[in-house]
Amino acid sequence: MYLTCDEAPDAVYVYFERRDVDHTDQLTDRVNVDYAADGTPIGVEFLDVSLGIDLDSVPHRADVARLLDERHFRVFA
């Protein structure tokens, strides 16, 4: 698991696995989850991260929280 940051759109993407994206579910207006064809979550996109990151309903929530905390993002668990 790793993440990439893009400061221009104020976004973070957390990768669970490197696989092709089959579909994306929008959890909120600031959180999108990508899934593989077999339904496995493969990554999550967070937008407007400077406002804080809400992990409600995010797959692998504890691992994502730990990773974001290591990078000093403000997380709402």
PDB file of N, CA and C in Angstrom:
ATOM      1  N   MET A   1       0.856  -1.169   0.000  1.00  0.00           N
ATOM      2  CA  MET A   1       0.000   0.000   0.000  1.00  0.00           C
ATOM      3  C   MET A   1       0.901   1.230   0.000  1.00  0.00           C
ATOM      4  N   TYR A   2       0.557   2.178  -0.861  1.00  0.00           N
ATOM      5  CA  TYR A   2       1.311   3.434  -0.906  1.00  0.00           C
ATOM      6  C   TYR A   2       0.395   4.530  -1.406  1.00  0.00           C
ATOM      7  N   LEU A   3       0.861   5.783  -1.298  1.00  0.00           N
ATOM      8  CA  LEU A   3       0.022   6.893  -1.738  1.00  0.00           C
ATOM      9  C   LEU A   3       0.803   7.850  -2.605  1.00  0.00           C
ATOM     10  N   THR A   4       0.061   8.599  -3.404  1.00  0.00           N
ATOM     11  CA  THR A   4       0.617   9.696  -4.185  1.00  0.00           C
ATOM     12  C   THR A   4      -0.185  10.945  -3.856  1.00  0.00           C
ATOM     13  N   CYS A   5       0.490  12.084  -3.907  1.00  0.00           N
ATOM     14  CA  CYS A   5      -0.145  13.373  -3.608  1.00  0.00           C
ATOM     15  C   CYS A   5      -0.053  14.263  -4.831  1.00  0.00           C
ATOM     16  N   ASP A   6      -1.082  15.050  -5.031  1.00  0.00           N
ATOM     17  CA  ASP A   6      -1.078  16.047  -6.090  1.00  0.00           C
ATOM     18  C   ASP A   6      -1.591  17.341  -5.475  1.00  0.00           C
ATOM     19  N   GLU A   7      -0.681  18.270  -5.238  1.00  0.00           N
ATOM     20  CA  GLU A   7      -1.037  19.500  -4.540  1.00  0.00           C
ATOM     21  C   GLU A   7      -1.952  20.410  -5.343  1.00  0.00           C
ATOM     22  N   ALA A   8      -1.819  20.425  -6.663  1.00  0.00           N
ATOM     23  CA  ALA A   8      -2.634  21.343  -7.477  1.00  0.00           C
ATOM     24  C   ALA A   8      -4.137  21.105  -7.281  1.00  0.00           C
ATOM     25  N   PRO A   9      -4.618  19.865  -7.398  1.00  0.00           N
ATOM     26  CA  PRO A   9      -6.048  19.654  -7.136  1.00  0.00           C
ATOM     27  C   PRO A   9      -6.341  19.309  -5.675  1.00  0.00           C
ATOM     28  N   ASP A  10      -5.279  19.335  -4.804  1.00  0.00           N
ATOM     29  CA  ASP A  10      -5.470  19.041  -3.380  1.00  0.00           C
ATOM     30  C   ASP A  10      -6.026  17.632  -3.205  1.00  0.00           C
ATOM     31  N   ALA A  11      -5.324  16.658  -3.792  1.00  0.00           N
ATOM     32  CA  ALA A  11      -5.811  15.279  -3.819  1.00  0.00           C
ATOM     33  C   ALA A  11      -4.736  14.289  -3.379  1.00  0.00           C
ATOM     34  N   VAL A  12      -5.196  13.165  -2.863  1.00  0.00           N
ATOM     35  CA  VAL A  12      -4.330  12.041  -2.488  1.00  0.00           C
ATOM     36  C   VAL A  12      -4.972  10.783  -3.042  1.00  0.00           C
ATOM     37  N   TYR A  13      -4.141   9.896  -3.583  1.00  0.00           N
ATOM     38  CA  TYR A  13      -4.622   8.595  -4.027  1.00  0.00           C
ATOM     39  C   TYR A  13      -3.862   7.533  -3.262  1.00  0.00           C
ATOM     40  N   VAL A  14      -4.592   6.616  -2.614  1.00  0.00           N
ATOM     41  CA  VAL A  14      -3.990   5.495  -1.892  1.00  0.00           C
ATOM     42  C   VAL A  14      -4.193   4.238  -2.734  1.00  0.00           C
ATOM     43  N   TYR A  15      -3.085   3.602  -3.086  1.00  0.00           N
ATOM     44  CA  TYR A  15      -3.099   2.368  -3.867  1.00  0.00           C
ATOM     45  C   TYR A  15      -3.078   1.170  -2.934  1.00  0.00           C
ATOM     46  N   PHE A  16      -4.027   0.256  -3.116  1.00  0.00           N
ATOM     47  CA  PHE A  16      -4.017  -1.013  -2.393  1.00  0.00           C
ATOM     48  C   PHE A  16      -3.287  -2.058  -3.223  1.00  0.00           C
ATOM     49  N   GLU A  17      -3.567  -2.074  -4.517  1.00  0.00           N
ATOM     50  CA  GLU A  17      -2.965  -3.018  -5.465  1.00  0.00           C
ATOM     51  C   GLU A  17      -2.794  -2.315  -6.803  1.00  0.00           C
ATOM     52  N   ARG A  18      -1.846  -2.783  -7.602  1.00  0.00           N
ATOM     53  CA  ARG A  18      -1.673  -2.294  -8.964  1.00  0.00           C
ATOM     54  C   ARG A  18      -2.432  -3.226  -9.898  1.00  0.00           C
ATOM     55  N   ARG A  19      -3.672  -2.839 -10.234  1.00  0.00           N
ATOM     56  CA  ARG A  19      -4.509  -3.608 -11.151  1.00  0.00           C
ATOM     57  C   ARG A  19      -5.310  -2.631 -11.986  1.00  0.00           C
ATOM     58  N   ASP A  20      -5.907  -3.127 -13.051  1.00  0.00           N
ATOM     59  CA  ASP A  20      -6.757  -2.291 -13.887  1.00  0.00           C
ATOM     60  C   ASP A  20      -8.052  -1.956 -13.158  1.00  0.00           C
ATOM     61  N   VAL A  21      -8.494  -0.722 -13.332  1.00  0.00           N
ATOM     62  CA  VAL A  21      -9.745  -0.265 -12.735  1.00  0.00           C
ATOM     63  C   VAL A  21     -10.903  -0.688 -13.630  1.00  0.00           C
ATOM     64  N   ASP A  22     -11.869  -1.383 -13.037  1.00  0.00           N
ATOM     65  CA  ASP A  22     -13.071  -1.780 -13.757  1.00  0.00           C
ATOM     66  C   ASP A  22     -14.176  -0.752 -13.560  1.00  0.00           C
ATOM     67  N   HIS A  23     -14.327  -0.280 -12.324  1.00  0.00           N
ATOM     68  CA  HIS A  23     -15.352   0.726 -12.043  1.00  0.00           C
ATOM     69  C   HIS A  23     -14.983   1.511 -10.784  1.00  0.00           C
ATOM     70  N   THR A  24     -15.611   2.663 -10.650  1.00  0.00           N
ATOM     71  CA  THR A  24     -15.370   3.564  -9.523  1.00  0.00           C
ATOM     72  C   THR A  24     -16.694   3.866  -8.840  1.00  0.00           C
ATOM     73  N   ASP A  25     -16.688   3.788  -7.516  1.00  0.00           N
ATOM     74  CA  ASP A  25     -17.861   4.175  -6.726  1.00  0.00           C
ATOM     75  C   ASP A  25     -17.546   5.478  -6.008  1.00  0.00           C
ATOM     76  N   GLN A  26     -18.455   6.421  -6.093  1.00  0.00           N
ATOM     77  CA  GLN A  26     -18.303   7.680  -5.388  1.00  0.00           C
ATOM     78  C   GLN A  26     -18.955   7.535  -4.019  1.00  0.00           C
ATOM     79  N   LEU A  27     -18.131   7.501  -2.950  1.00  0.00           N
ATOM     80  CA  LEU A  27     -18.664   7.377  -1.597  1.00  0.00           C
ATOM     81  C   LEU A  27     -19.240   8.700  -1.115  1.00  0.00           C
ATOM     82  N   THR A  28     -18.511   9.789  -1.409  1.00  0.00           N
ATOM     83  CA  THR A  28     -18.951  11.147  -1.081  1.00  0.00           C
ATOM     84  C   THR A  28     -18.473  12.044  -2.201  1.00  0.00           C
ATOM     85  N   ASP A  29     -18.739  13.336  -2.091  1.00  0.00           N
ATOM     86  CA  ASP A  29     -18.248  14.250  -3.118  1.00  0.00           C
ATOM     87  C   ASP A  29     -16.733  14.429  -3.045  1.00  0.00           C
ATOM     88  N   ARG A  30     -16.100  13.861  -1.995  1.00  0.00           N
ATOM     89  CA  ARG A  30     -14.648  13.981  -1.833  1.00  0.00           C
ATOM     90  C   ARG A  30     -13.919  12.648  -1.755  1.00  0.00           C
ATOM     91  N   VAL A  31     -14.637  11.532  -1.904  1.00  0.00           N
ATOM     92  CA  VAL A  31     -14.011  10.205  -1.793  1.00  0.00           C
ATOM     93  C   VAL A  31     -14.541   9.285  -2.881  1.00  0.00           C
ATOM     94  N   ASN A  32     -13.605   8.706  -3.669  1.00  0.00           N
ATOM     95  CA  ASN A  32     -13.939   7.753  -4.732  1.00  0.00           C
ATOM     96  C   ASN A  32     -13.114   6.487  -4.531  1.00  0.00           C
ATOM     97  N   VAL A  33     -13.748   5.331  -4.686  1.00  0.00           N
ATOM     98  CA  VAL A  33     -13.058   4.051  -4.546  1.00  0.00           C
ATOM     99  C   VAL A  33     -13.060   3.336  -5.890  1.00  0.00           C
ATOM    100  N   ASP A  34     -11.876   2.892  -6.318  1.00  0.00           N
ATOM    101  CA  ASP A  34     -11.729   2.131  -7.557  1.00  0.00           C
ATOM    102  C   ASP A  34     -11.725   0.644  -7.246  1.00  0.00           C
ATOM    103  N   TYR A  35     -12.371  -0.126  -8.137  1.00  0.00           N
ATOM    104  CA  TYR A  35     -12.489  -1.574  -7.968  1.00  0.00           C
ATOM    105  C   TYR A  35     -12.007  -2.295  -9.213  1.00  0.00           C
ATOM    106  N   ALA A  36     -11.442  -3.490  -9.009  1.00  0.00           N
ATOM    107  CA  ALA A  36     -11.076  -4.384 -10.104  1.00  0.00           C
ATOM    108  C   ALA A  36     -12.344  -5.087 -10.593  1.00  0.00           C
ATOM    109  N   ALA A  37     -12.241  -5.818 -11.686  1.00  0.00           N
ATOM    110  CA  ALA A  37     -13.390  -6.508 -12.273  1.00  0.00           C
ATOM    111  C   ALA A  37     -14.003  -7.529 -11.311  1.00  0.00           C
ATOM    112  N   ASP A  38     -13.182  -8.108 -10.426  1.00  0.00           N
ATOM    113  CA  ASP A  38     -13.707  -9.100  -9.479  1.00  0.00           C
ATOM    114  C   ASP A  38     -14.294  -8.474  -8.217  1.00  0.00           C
ATOM    115  N   GLY A  39     -14.353  -7.127  -8.161  1.00  0.00           N
ATOM    116  CA  GLY A  39     -14.945  -6.435  -7.029  1.00  0.00           C
ATOM    117  C   GLY A  39     -13.977  -6.089  -5.914  1.00  0.00           C
ATOM    118  N   THR A  40     -12.712  -6.421  -6.093  1.00  0.00           N
ATOM    119  CA  THR A  40     -11.698  -6.102  -5.095  1.00  0.00           C
ATOM    120  C   THR A  40     -11.380  -4.612  -5.124  1.00  0.00           C
ATOM    121  N   PRO A  41     -11.411  -3.929  -3.979  1.00  0.00           N
ATOM    122  CA  PRO A  41     -11.023  -2.522  -3.974  1.00  0.00           C
ATOM    123  C   PRO A  41      -9.525  -2.408  -4.225  1.00  0.00           C
ATOM    124  N   ILE A  42      -9.135  -1.541  -5.173  1.00  0.00           N
ATOM    125  CA  ILE A  42      -7.721  -1.424  -5.522  1.00  0.00           C
ATOM    126  C   ILE A  42      -7.136  -0.057  -5.214  1.00  0.00           C
ATOM    127  N   GLY A  43      -7.980   0.900  -4.851  1.00  0.00           N
ATOM    128  CA  GLY A  43      -7.457   2.207  -4.486  1.00  0.00           C
ATOM    129  C   GLY A  43      -8.569   3.159  -4.124  1.00  0.00           C
ATOM    130  N   VAL A  44      -8.176   4.257  -3.465  1.00  0.00           N
ATOM    131  CA  VAL A  44      -9.146   5.264  -3.065  1.00  0.00           C
ATOM    132  C   VAL A  44      -8.560   6.653  -3.301  1.00  0.00           C
ATOM    133  N   GLU A  45      -9.388   7.524  -3.845  1.00  0.00           N
ATOM    134  CA  GLU A  45      -9.001   8.901  -4.120  1.00  0.00           C
ATOM    135  C   GLU A  45      -9.698   9.816  -3.114  1.00  0.00           C
ATOM    136  N   PHE A  46      -8.915  10.705  -2.511  1.00  0.00           N
ATOM    137  CA  PHE A  46      -9.444  11.707  -1.594  1.00  0.00           C
ATOM    138  C   PHE A  46      -9.216  13.084  -2.206  1.00  0.00           C
ATOM    139  N   LEU A  47     -10.261  13.891  -2.241  1.00  0.00           N
ATOM    140  CA  LEU A  47     -10.183  15.245  -2.794  1.00  0.00           C
ATOM    141  C   LEU A  47     -10.303  16.267  -1.669  1.00  0.00           C
ATOM    142  N   ASP A  48      -9.784  17.469  -1.906  1.00  0.00           N
ATOM    143  CA  ASP A  48      -9.829  18.550  -0.907  1.00  0.00           C
ATOM    144  C   ASP A  48      -9.226  18.104   0.415  1.00  0.00           C
ATOM    145  N   VAL A  49      -8.073  17.461   0.353  1.00  0.00           N
ATOM    146  CA  VAL A  49      -7.466  16.879   1.553  1.00  0.00           C
ATOM    147  C   VAL A  49      -7.017  17.921   2.571  1.00  0.00           C
ATOM    148  N   SER A  50      -6.816  19.154   2.158  1.00  0.00           N
ATOM    149  CA  SER A  50      -6.411  20.189   3.120  1.00  0.00           C
ATOM    150  C   SER A  50      -7.528  20.468   4.124  1.00  0.00           C
ATOM    151  N   LEU A  51      -8.759  20.073   3.794  1.00  0.00           N
ATOM    152  CA  LEU A  51      -9.891  20.241   4.705  1.00  0.00           C
ATOM    153  C   LEU A  51      -9.981  19.093   5.716  1.00  0.00           C
ATOM    154  N   GLY A  52      -9.182  18.052   5.509  1.00  0.00           N
ATOM    155  CA  GLY A  52      -9.221  16.852   6.332  1.00  0.00           C
ATOM    156  C   GLY A  52      -9.756  15.692   5.514  1.00  0.00           C
ATOM    157  N   ILE A  53      -9.488  14.498   5.963  1.00  0.00           N
ATOM    158  CA  ILE A  53      -9.864  13.292   5.229  1.00  0.00           C
ATOM    159  C   ILE A  53     -10.802  12.452   6.084  1.00  0.00           C
ATOM    160  N   ASP A  54     -11.976  12.162   5.542  1.00  0.00           N
ATOM    161  CA  ASP A  54     -12.976  11.348   6.224  1.00  0.00           C
ATOM    162  C   ASP A  54     -12.839   9.905   5.745  1.00  0.00           C
ATOM    163  N   LEU A  55     -12.607   8.997   6.669  1.00  0.00           N
ATOM    164  CA  LEU A  55     -12.405   7.585   6.313  1.00  0.00           C
ATOM    165  C   LEU A  55     -13.647   6.730   6.489  1.00  0.00           C
ATOM    166  N   ASP A  56     -14.785   7.347   6.719  1.00  0.00           N
ATOM    167  CA  ASP A  56     -16.024   6.593   6.884  1.00  0.00           C
ATOM    168  C   ASP A  56     -16.306   5.768   5.635  1.00  0.00           C
ATOM    169  N   SER A  57     -16.482   4.470   5.794  1.00  0.00           N
ATOM    170  CA  SER A  57     -16.815   3.510   4.717  1.00  0.00           C
ATOM    171  C   SER A  57     -15.679   3.240   3.743  1.00  0.00           C
ATOM    172  N   VAL A  58     -14.463   3.682   4.037  1.00  0.00           N
ATOM    173  CA  VAL A  58     -13.323   3.448   3.145  1.00  0.00           C
ATOM    174  C   VAL A  58     -12.777   2.034   3.385  1.00  0.00           C
ATOM    175  N   PRO A  59     -12.539   1.259   2.311  1.00  0.00           N
ATOM    176  CA  PRO A  59     -11.944  -0.072   2.482  1.00  0.00           C
ATOM    177  C   PRO A  59     -10.558   0.031   3.129  1.00  0.00           C
ATOM    178  N   HIS A  60     -10.189  -0.974   3.907  1.00  0.00           N
ATOM    179  CA  HIS A  60      -8.879  -1.028   4.560  1.00  0.00           C
ATOM    180  C   HIS A  60      -8.646   0.208   5.428  1.00  0.00           C
ATOM    181  N   ARG A  61      -9.693   0.624   6.098  1.00  0.00           N
ATOM    182  CA  ARG A  61      -9.719   1.881   6.849  1.00  0.00           C
ATOM    183  C   ARG A  61      -8.537   2.045   7.817  1.00  0.00           C
ATOM    184  N   ALA A  62      -8.247   1.046   8.629  1.00  0.00           N
ATOM    185  CA  ALA A  62      -7.168   1.155   9.611  1.00  0.00           C
ATOM    186  C   ALA A  62      -5.813   1.333   8.939  1.00  0.00           C
ATOM    187  N   ASP A  63      -5.570   0.580   7.871  1.00  0.00           N
ATOM    188  CA  ASP A  63      -4.301   0.692   7.146  1.00  0.00           C
ATOM    189  C   ASP A  63      -4.178   2.044   6.463  1.00  0.00           C
ATOM    190  N   VAL A  64      -5.275   2.523   5.885  1.00  0.00           N
ATOM    191  CA  VAL A  64      -5.271   3.836   5.228  1.00  0.00           C
ATOM    192  C   VAL A  64      -5.015   4.929   6.268  1.00  0.00           C
ATOM    193  N   ALA A  65      -5.662   4.833   7.421  1.00  0.00           N
ATOM    194  CA  ALA A  65      -5.469   5.824   8.483  1.00  0.00           C
ATOM    195  C   ALA A  65      -4.010   5.873   8.923  1.00  0.00           C
ATOM    196  N   ARG A  66      -3.404   4.719   9.095  1.00  0.00           N
ATOM    197  CA  ARG A  66      -2.000   4.643   9.509  1.00  0.00           C
ATOM    198  C   ARG A  66      -1.089   5.292   8.457  1.00  0.00           C
ATOM    199  N   LEU A  67      -1.325   4.983   7.194  1.00  0.00           N
ATOM    200  CA  LEU A  67      -0.516   5.532   6.114  1.00  0.00           C
ATOM    201  C   LEU A  67      -0.654   7.052   6.034  1.00  0.00           C
ATOM    202  N   LEU A  68      -1.880   7.554   6.129  1.00  0.00           N
ATOM    203  CA  LEU A  68      -2.106   8.996   6.076  1.00  0.00           C
ATOM    204  C   LEU A  68      -1.517   9.699   7.287  1.00  0.00           C
ATOM    205  N   ASP A  69      -1.613   9.066   8.449  1.00  0.00           N
ATOM    206  CA  ASP A  69      -1.038   9.645   9.662  1.00  0.00           C
ATOM    207  C   ASP A  69       0.477   9.760   9.547  1.00  0.00           C
ATOM    208  N   GLU A  70       1.109   8.762   8.965  1.00  0.00           N
ATOM    209  CA  GLU A  70       2.564   8.797   8.760  1.00  0.00           C
ATOM    210  C   GLU A  70       2.986   9.993   7.913  1.00  0.00           C
ATOM    211  N   ARG A  71       2.113  10.392   6.997  1.00  0.00           N
ATOM    212  CA  ARG A  71       2.399  11.539   6.107  1.00  0.00           C
ATOM    213  C   ARG A  71       1.806  12.846   6.649  1.00  0.00           C
ATOM    214  N   HIS A  72       1.281  12.799   7.868  1.00  0.00           N
ATOM    215  CA  HIS A  72       0.787  13.981   8.587  1.00  0.00           C
ATOM    216  C   HIS A  72      -0.443  14.636   7.957  1.00  0.00           C
ATOM    217  N   PHE A  73      -1.322  13.812   7.397  1.00  0.00           N
ATOM    218  CA  PHE A  73      -2.610  14.320   6.919  1.00  0.00           C
ATOM    219  C   PHE A  73      -3.593  14.333   8.069  1.00  0.00           C
ATOM    220  N   ARG A  74      -4.487  15.304   8.064  1.00  0.00           N
ATOM    221  CA  ARG A  74      -5.530  15.388   9.083  1.00  0.00           C
ATOM    222  C   ARG A  74      -6.632  14.410   8.701  1.00  0.00           C
ATOM    223  N   VAL A  75      -6.886  13.433   9.588  1.00  0.00           N
ATOM    224  CA  VAL A  75      -7.827  12.354   9.300  1.00  0.00           C
ATOM    225  C   VAL A  75      -8.965  12.396  10.295  1.00  0.00           C
ATOM    226  N   PHE A  76     -10.190  12.208   9.770  1.00  0.00           N
ATOM    227  CA  PHE A  76     -11.384  12.053  10.579  1.00  0.00           C
ATOM    228  C   PHE A  76     -11.803  10.595  10.455  1.00  0.00           C
ATOM    229  N   ALA A  77     -11.602   9.839  11.506  1.00  0.00           N
ATOM    230  CA  ALA A  77     -11.879   8.398  11.434  1.00  0.00           C
ATOM    231  C   ALA A  77     -13.300   8.067  11.795  1.00  0.00           C
TER     232      ALA A  77
END
